[in-house]
């Protein structure tokens, strides 16, 4: 049971870092959430959701973001 708890904690940490990196790419490109949404073809609220780990972006969005 203790092991399962540690795995959950590790997954949360990884998930947090993943979304933090999504925001890093946006900020590094000097884009607001609104601008990034327009460039990626999604709603501004989706960018917020991606950055706050409320939902996962499709791989196509991730690829566009890092290009």
Protein backbone atom coordinates (compact mmCIF):
# COMPACT_ATOMS: atom_id res chain seq x y z
CA UNK A 1 0.00 0.00 0.00
CA UNK A 2 2.84 2.38 0.77
CA UNK A 3 4.35 1.67 -2.64
CA UNK A 4 1.13 2.65 -4.40
CA UNK A 5 1.06 5.93 -2.53
CA UNK A 6 4.61 6.72 -3.65
CA UNK A 7 3.77 5.94 -7.30
CA UNK A 8 0.82 8.34 -7.18
CA UNK A 9 3.04 11.05 -5.75
CA UNK A 10 5.63 10.50 -8.48
CA UNK A 11 2.98 10.72 -11.21
CA UNK A 12 1.66 13.99 -9.80
CA UNK A 13 5.15 15.49 -9.75
CA UNK A 14 5.76 14.45 -13.36
CA UNK A 15 2.38 15.81 -14.42
CA UNK A 16 3.14 19.14 -12.75
CA UNK A 17 6.48 19.42 -14.50
CA UNK A 18 4.91 18.54 -17.83
CA UNK A 19 2.41 21.40 -17.64
CA UNK A 20 5.01 23.76 -16.33
CA UNK A 21 7.03 23.01 -19.45
CA UNK A 22 4.02 23.73 -21.65
CA UNK A 23 3.79 27.18 -20.07
CA UNK A 24 7.56 27.62 -20.41
CA UNK A 25 7.36 27.17 -24.19
CA UNK A 26 4.52 29.70 -24.43
CA UNK A 27 6.26 32.29 -22.29
CA UNK A 28 9.58 31.67 -24.06
CA UNK A 29 7.82 32.42 -27.37
CA UNK A 30 6.58 35.66 -25.76
CA UNK A 31 2.94 34.74 -26.33
CA UNK A 32 -0.04 35.47 -24.15
CA UNK A 33 -2.52 32.67 -23.61
CA UNK A 34 -4.81 34.38 -26.12
CA UNK A 35 -2.06 34.59 -28.75
CA UNK A 36 -1.00 30.99 -28.16
CA UNK A 37 -4.61 29.84 -28.51
CA UNK A 38 -4.94 31.62 -31.84
CA UNK A 39 -1.64 30.16 -33.11
CA UNK A 40 -2.60 26.65 -32.03
CA UNK A 41 -6.22 26.84 -33.14
CA UNK A 42 -7.78 26.25 -29.73
CA UNK A 43 -9.80 28.28 -27.26
CA UNK A 44 -7.91 30.47 -24.80
CA UNK A 45 -9.53 28.53 -21.95
CA UNK A 46 -7.89 25.35 -23.28
CA UNK A 47 -4.42 26.90 -22.93
CA UNK A 48 -5.26 27.72 -19.32
CA UNK A 49 -6.52 24.17 -18.76
CA UNK A 50 -3.33 22.69 -20.27
CA UNK A 51 -1.11 24.86 -18.09
CA UNK A 52 -3.08 24.04 -14.95
CA UNK A 53 -3.15 20.30 -15.70
CA UNK A 54 -6.94 20.23 -15.96
CA UNK A 55 -6.73 18.37 -19.27
CA UNK A 56 -4.09 16.99 -21.57
CA UNK A 57 -3.48 18.57 -24.94
CA UNK A 58 -3.48 16.30 -27.98
CA UNK A 59 -0.02 15.39 -29.23
CA UNK A 60 -0.60 17.59 -32.30
CA UNK A 61 -0.90 20.64 -30.03
CA UNK A 62 2.27 19.72 -28.15
CA UNK A 63 4.17 19.35 -31.42
CA UNK A 64 2.92 22.73 -32.67
CA UNK A 65 3.84 24.36 -29.36
CA UNK A 66 7.46 23.28 -29.44
CA UNK A 67 8.01 24.10 -33.12
